[in-house]
């Protein structure tokens, strides 16, 4: 079954941790795909988890921006620390917003690359 999908909504389920995708098929039907997050560490980068999800669900996630998937996984990370979803969103929102007054010449190369992806 290799059908073309158009992503509509991306979300999360906190227990057990999973990413959900609502998508539309080529025939116009709306469907939902739940993709479990197998190994979620509470601390550290989520890059490996993003790659793992993309490998396992390539057909569904190829049109989803990496940054959105990364943000959802970061929210899952924060909820696994005991925060509720609203607190988690507020906690990570500073990482995914660009401050126009911030001097990007003084940030690390990793942070600069992240800010460029956000732009």
N, C-alpha and C. Protein backbone atom coordinates (compact mmCIF):
# COMPACT_ATOMS: atom_id res chain seq x y z
N UNK A 1 0.84 -1.17 0.00
CA UNK A 1 0.00 0.00 0.00
C UNK A 1 0.89 1.24 0.00
N UNK A 2 1.12 1.81 -1.14
CA UNK A 2 1.97 2.98 -1.26
C UNK A 2 1.16 4.13 -1.82
N UNK A 3 0.36 4.75 -0.98
CA UNK A 3 -0.50 5.83 -1.43
C UNK A 3 0.13 7.18 -1.08
N UNK A 4 -0.22 8.18 -1.85
CA UNK A 4 0.29 9.52 -1.59
C UNK A 4 -0.54 10.16 -0.49
N UNK A 5 0.14 10.77 0.48
CA UNK A 5 -0.57 11.39 1.60
C UNK A 5 -0.24 12.88 1.66
N UNK A 6 -1.22 13.65 2.12
CA UNK A 6 -1.05 15.08 2.36
C UNK A 6 -1.32 15.35 3.83
N UNK A 7 -0.29 15.71 4.59
CA UNK A 7 -0.48 15.95 6.02
C UNK A 7 -1.42 17.13 6.28
N UNK A 8 -2.30 16.96 7.26
CA UNK A 8 -3.22 18.03 7.65
C UNK A 8 -2.91 18.55 9.04
N UNK A 9 -2.74 17.64 10.02
CA UNK A 9 -2.49 18.03 11.41
C UNK A 9 -1.45 17.09 12.01
N UNK A 10 -0.62 17.64 12.88
CA UNK A 10 0.37 16.86 13.61
C UNK A 10 0.13 17.10 15.08
N UNK A 11 0.13 16.04 15.87
CA UNK A 11 -0.11 16.17 17.30
C UNK A 11 0.63 15.11 18.08
N UNK A 12 0.36 15.06 19.38
CA UNK A 12 1.02 14.09 20.25
C UNK A 12 0.02 13.42 21.17
N UNK A 13 0.40 12.24 21.62
CA UNK A 13 -0.29 11.53 22.69
C UNK A 13 0.77 11.35 23.77
N UNK A 14 0.45 11.76 25.01
CA UNK A 14 1.48 11.75 26.05
C UNK A 14 1.66 10.39 26.73
N UNK A 15 0.61 9.59 26.79
CA UNK A 15 0.74 8.31 27.49
C UNK A 15 0.00 7.22 26.75
N UNK A 16 0.68 6.28 26.15
CA UNK A 16 2.12 6.19 25.92
C UNK A 16 2.56 7.21 24.88
N UNK A 17 3.82 7.65 24.91
CA UNK A 17 4.27 8.70 24.01
C UNK A 17 4.16 8.29 22.54
N UNK A 18 3.48 9.15 21.77
CA UNK A 18 3.30 8.88 20.35
C UNK A 18 3.05 10.18 19.61
N UNK A 19 3.35 10.17 18.34
CA UNK A 19 3.06 11.29 17.46
C UNK A 19 1.89 10.88 16.59
N UNK A 20 0.91 11.76 16.44
CA UNK A 20 -0.24 11.45 15.59
C UNK A 20 -0.24 12.37 14.38
N UNK A 21 -0.66 11.82 13.27
CA UNK A 21 -0.74 12.58 12.03
C UNK A 21 -2.10 12.35 11.41
N UNK A 22 -2.80 13.44 11.17
CA UNK A 22 -4.05 13.37 10.42
C UNK A 22 -3.68 13.77 9.00
N UNK A 23 -4.00 12.92 8.04
CA UNK A 23 -3.62 13.17 6.66
C UNK A 23 -4.77 12.86 5.72
N UNK A 24 -4.61 13.33 4.50
CA UNK A 24 -5.62 13.09 3.48
C UNK A 24 -4.99 12.23 2.39
N UNK A 25 -5.71 11.19 1.98
CA UNK A 25 -5.20 10.31 0.93
C UNK A 25 -5.44 10.94 -0.44
N UNK A 26 -4.90 10.30 -1.44
CA UNK A 26 -5.06 10.76 -2.81
C UNK A 26 -6.53 10.79 -3.22
N UNK A 27 -7.31 9.89 -2.64
CA UNK A 27 -8.74 9.80 -2.96
C UNK A 27 -9.58 10.79 -2.16
N UNK A 28 -8.96 11.56 -1.27
CA UNK A 28 -9.68 12.57 -0.50
C UNK A 28 -10.16 12.11 0.86
N UNK A 29 -9.83 10.90 1.27
CA UNK A 29 -10.25 10.41 2.59
C UNK A 29 -9.29 10.91 3.67
N UNK A 30 -9.87 11.29 4.81
CA UNK A 30 -9.05 11.68 5.96
C UNK A 30 -8.79 10.46 6.81
N UNK A 31 -7.53 10.30 7.19
CA UNK A 31 -7.13 9.18 8.03
C UNK A 31 -6.20 9.68 9.12
N UNK A 32 -6.01 8.84 10.14
CA UNK A 32 -5.12 9.19 11.24
C UNK A 32 -4.09 8.08 11.41
N UNK A 33 -2.84 8.48 11.63
CA UNK A 33 -1.75 7.53 11.84
C UNK A 33 -1.13 7.84 13.19
N UNK A 34 -1.04 6.83 14.05
CA UNK A 34 -0.40 6.98 15.36
C UNK A 34 0.96 6.29 15.27
N UNK A 35 2.00 7.06 15.56
CA UNK A 35 3.38 6.55 15.45
C UNK A 35 4.01 6.56 16.84
N UNK A 36 4.14 5.39 17.47
CA UNK A 36 4.70 5.36 18.83
C UNK A 36 6.16 5.81 18.85
N UNK A 37 6.52 6.52 19.92
CA UNK A 37 7.90 6.94 20.14
C UNK A 37 8.50 5.89 21.06
N UNK A 38 9.38 5.09 20.52
CA UNK A 38 9.89 3.93 21.25
C UNK A 38 10.83 4.30 22.38
N UNK A 39 11.84 5.11 22.09
CA UNK A 39 12.82 5.46 23.11
C UNK A 39 12.82 6.97 23.25
N UNK A 40 12.31 7.46 24.37
CA UNK A 40 12.25 8.90 24.61
C UNK A 40 13.04 9.21 25.86
N UNK A 41 14.22 9.82 25.68
CA UNK A 41 14.99 10.23 26.85
C UNK A 41 14.48 11.57 27.35
N UNK A 42 14.53 11.76 28.66
CA UNK A 42 13.99 12.99 29.24
C UNK A 42 14.88 14.19 28.99
N UNK A 43 16.13 13.96 28.71
CA UNK A 43 17.09 15.05 28.52
C UNK A 43 17.85 14.80 27.22
N UNK A 44 18.39 15.84 26.67
CA UNK A 44 19.22 15.71 25.48
C UNK A 44 18.46 15.97 24.19
N UNK A 45 19.18 15.91 23.09
CA UNK A 45 18.57 16.23 21.79
C UNK A 45 17.63 15.12 21.32
N UNK A 46 16.69 15.51 20.46
CA UNK A 46 15.71 14.57 19.93
C UNK A 46 16.01 14.20 18.48
N UNK A 47 17.20 14.56 17.99
CA UNK A 47 17.55 14.32 16.60
C UNK A 47 17.46 12.85 16.22
N UNK A 48 17.96 11.96 17.09
CA UNK A 48 17.93 10.53 16.79
C UNK A 48 16.50 9.99 16.74
N UNK A 49 15.64 10.53 17.58
CA UNK A 49 14.24 10.10 17.59
C UNK A 49 13.55 10.55 16.31
N UNK A 50 13.87 11.77 15.86
CA UNK A 50 13.30 12.28 14.61
C UNK A 50 13.71 11.37 13.45
N UNK A 51 15.00 11.02 13.39
CA UNK A 51 15.50 10.15 12.31
C UNK A 51 14.83 8.79 12.36
N UNK A 52 14.68 8.23 13.57
CA UNK A 52 14.05 6.92 13.72
C UNK A 52 12.61 6.95 13.23
N UNK A 53 11.85 7.97 13.62
CA UNK A 53 10.46 8.10 13.17
C UNK A 53 10.38 8.26 11.66
N UNK A 54 11.28 9.05 11.10
CA UNK A 54 11.27 9.25 9.65
C UNK A 54 11.58 7.96 8.90
N UNK A 55 12.49 7.16 9.42
CA UNK A 55 12.83 5.90 8.77
C UNK A 55 11.66 4.91 8.84
N UNK A 56 11.00 4.87 10.00
CA UNK A 56 9.91 3.91 10.17
C UNK A 56 8.63 4.33 9.45
N UNK A 57 8.42 5.63 9.30
CA UNK A 57 7.16 6.13 8.73
C UNK A 57 7.43 7.12 7.59
N UNK A 58 8.33 6.76 6.70
CA UNK A 58 8.75 7.65 5.62
C UNK A 58 7.58 8.14 4.79
N UNK A 59 6.70 7.26 4.42
CA UNK A 59 5.57 7.60 3.55
C UNK A 59 4.71 8.70 4.17
N UNK A 60 4.57 8.69 5.48
CA UNK A 60 3.67 9.62 6.15
C UNK A 60 4.38 10.92 6.56
N UNK A 61 5.67 10.84 6.85
CA UNK A 61 6.37 12.01 7.40
C UNK A 61 7.25 12.75 6.39
N UNK A 62 7.30 12.28 5.15
CA UNK A 62 8.20 12.93 4.19
C UNK A 62 7.79 14.37 3.88
N UNK A 63 6.51 14.71 4.00
CA UNK A 63 6.04 16.06 3.71
C UNK A 63 5.86 16.91 4.98
N UNK A 64 6.16 16.34 6.13
CA UNK A 64 6.04 17.07 7.40
C UNK A 64 7.38 17.77 7.66
N UNK A 65 7.36 19.08 7.92
CA UNK A 65 8.61 19.79 8.22
C UNK A 65 9.31 19.21 9.44
N UNK A 66 10.62 19.03 9.33
CA UNK A 66 11.39 18.45 10.43
C UNK A 66 11.27 19.25 11.71
N UNK A 67 11.20 20.56 11.57
CA UNK A 67 11.11 21.42 12.74
C UNK A 67 9.83 21.18 13.53
N UNK A 68 8.72 20.94 12.84
CA UNK A 68 7.45 20.68 13.54
C UNK A 68 7.51 19.35 14.28
N UNK A 69 8.10 18.34 13.63
CA UNK A 69 8.24 17.03 14.27
C UNK A 69 9.15 17.14 15.49
N UNK A 70 10.24 17.88 15.35
CA UNK A 70 11.17 18.07 16.45
C UNK A 70 10.49 18.77 17.62
N UNK A 71 9.68 19.77 17.31
CA UNK A 71 8.97 20.52 18.36
C UNK A 71 7.99 19.61 19.10
N UNK A 72 7.28 18.76 18.39
CA UNK A 72 6.35 17.82 19.03
C UNK A 72 7.09 16.87 19.96
N UNK A 73 8.24 16.40 19.52
CA UNK A 73 9.02 15.49 20.34
C UNK A 73 9.58 16.19 21.58
N UNK A 74 9.93 17.46 21.45
CA UNK A 74 10.39 18.22 22.61
C UNK A 74 9.26 18.40 23.62
N UNK A 75 8.04 18.59 23.13
CA UNK A 75 6.90 18.70 24.04
C UNK A 75 6.70 17.37 24.77
N UNK A 76 6.83 16.26 24.05
CA UNK A 76 6.74 14.94 24.69
C UNK A 76 7.83 14.77 25.75
N UNK A 77 9.02 15.25 25.45
CA UNK A 77 10.12 15.17 26.40
C UNK A 77 9.78 15.92 27.69
N UNK A 78 9.24 17.11 27.54
CA UNK A 78 8.89 17.91 28.72
C UNK A 78 7.76 17.27 29.52
N UNK A 79 6.77 16.68 28.84
CA UNK A 79 5.68 16.03 29.58
C UNK A 79 6.17 14.78 30.31
N UNK A 80 7.20 14.13 29.77
CA UNK A 80 7.74 12.96 30.46
C UNK A 80 8.47 13.35 31.75
N UNK A 81 8.81 14.63 31.88
CA UNK A 81 9.44 15.13 33.11
C UNK A 81 8.40 15.47 34.18
N UNK A 82 7.11 15.33 33.85
CA UNK A 82 6.06 15.57 34.83
C UNK A 82 5.29 16.86 34.61
N UNK A 83 5.60 17.59 33.58
CA UNK A 83 4.87 18.82 33.29
C UNK A 83 3.61 18.52 32.50
N UNK A 84 2.61 19.40 32.61
CA UNK A 84 1.44 19.21 31.74
C UNK A 84 1.76 19.82 30.38
N UNK A 85 0.89 19.62 29.41
CA UNK A 85 1.17 20.01 28.03
C UNK A 85 1.34 21.53 27.90
N UNK A 86 0.50 22.30 28.60
CA UNK A 86 0.61 23.76 28.52
C UNK A 86 1.96 24.25 29.05
N UNK A 87 2.39 23.69 30.18
CA UNK A 87 3.69 24.07 30.73
C UNK A 87 4.81 23.68 29.78
N UNK A 88 4.68 22.52 29.17
CA UNK A 88 5.70 22.05 28.23
C UNK A 88 5.80 22.97 27.02
N UNK A 89 4.66 23.39 26.50
CA UNK A 89 4.65 24.29 25.34
C UNK A 89 5.29 25.63 25.72
N UNK A 90 4.92 26.16 26.87
CA UNK A 90 5.51 27.43 27.31
C UNK A 90 7.01 27.29 27.55
N UNK A 91 7.42 26.14 28.05
CA UNK A 91 8.82 25.91 28.36
C UNK A 91 9.69 25.85 27.11
N UNK A 92 9.20 25.25 26.05
CA UNK A 92 10.03 25.10 24.85
C UNK A 92 9.78 26.20 23.82
N UNK A 93 8.78 27.04 24.03
CA UNK A 93 8.47 28.06 23.02
C UNK A 93 9.63 29.03 22.82
N UNK A 94 10.41 29.28 23.87
CA UNK A 94 11.55 30.19 23.73
C UNK A 94 12.62 29.60 22.80
N UNK A 95 12.70 28.28 22.71
CA UNK A 95 13.67 27.64 21.83
C UNK A 95 13.27 27.75 20.36
N UNK A 96 11.99 27.95 20.10
CA UNK A 96 11.50 27.95 18.73
C UNK A 96 10.99 29.31 18.27
N UNK A 97 11.32 30.36 19.02
CA UNK A 97 10.98 31.72 18.62
C UNK A 97 12.27 32.47 18.33
N UNK A 98 12.18 33.43 17.43
CA UNK A 98 13.34 34.23 17.07
C UNK A 98 13.17 35.63 17.67
N UNK A 99 14.15 36.04 18.44
CA UNK A 99 14.15 37.38 19.02
C UNK A 99 14.86 38.31 18.04
N UNK A 100 14.16 39.32 17.51
CA UNK A 100 14.80 40.20 16.51
C UNK A 100 15.95 41.02 17.09
N UNK A 101 16.01 41.17 18.40
CA UNK A 101 17.08 41.94 19.03
C UNK A 101 18.29 41.09 19.42
N UNK A 102 18.19 39.78 19.22
CA UNK A 102 19.29 38.89 19.59
C UNK A 102 20.42 39.00 18.57
N UNK A 103 21.65 39.09 19.07
CA UNK A 103 22.82 39.17 18.19
C UNK A 103 23.24 37.75 17.83
N UNK A 104 22.95 37.34 16.59
CA UNK A 104 23.25 35.98 16.16
C UNK A 104 24.73 35.76 15.91
N UNK A 105 25.53 36.82 15.96
CA UNK A 105 26.98 36.67 15.81
C UNK A 105 27.60 36.09 17.07
N UNK A 106 26.86 36.15 18.17
CA UNK A 106 27.41 35.70 19.45
C UNK A 106 26.90 34.33 19.90
N UNK A 107 26.09 33.66 19.07
CA UNK A 107 25.57 32.34 19.45
C UNK A 107 26.47 31.25 18.86
N UNK A 108 26.33 30.05 19.40
CA UNK A 108 27.13 28.93 18.91
C UNK A 108 26.68 28.54 17.50
N UNK A 109 27.52 27.77 16.83
CA UNK A 109 27.20 27.34 15.47
C UNK A 109 25.93 26.50 15.43
N UNK A 110 25.76 25.67 16.46
CA UNK A 110 24.57 24.80 16.54
C UNK A 110 23.30 25.65 16.69
N UNK A 111 23.36 26.64 17.57
CA UNK A 111 22.21 27.53 17.78
C UNK A 111 21.93 28.36 16.54
N UNK A 112 22.98 28.78 15.86
CA UNK A 112 22.83 29.57 14.63
C UNK A 112 22.13 28.74 13.55
N UNK A 113 22.53 27.48 13.41
CA UNK A 113 21.89 26.61 12.42
C UNK A 113 20.42 26.41 12.74
N UNK A 114 20.11 26.29 14.03
CA UNK A 114 18.71 26.12 14.44
C UNK A 114 17.90 27.38 14.14
N UNK A 115 18.48 28.55 14.42
CA UNK A 115 17.78 29.81 14.14
C UNK A 115 17.55 29.97 12.64
N UNK A 116 18.49 29.55 11.83
CA UNK A 116 18.33 29.63 10.38
C UNK A 116 17.21 28.73 9.90
N UNK A 117 17.09 27.55 10.50
CA UNK A 117 15.99 26.65 10.12
C UNK A 117 14.64 27.26 10.51
N UNK A 118 14.61 27.97 11.63
CA UNK A 118 13.38 28.61 12.06
C UNK A 118 12.94 29.72 11.11
N UNK A 119 13.91 30.39 10.53
CA UNK A 119 13.59 31.47 9.60
C UNK A 119 13.00 30.91 8.35
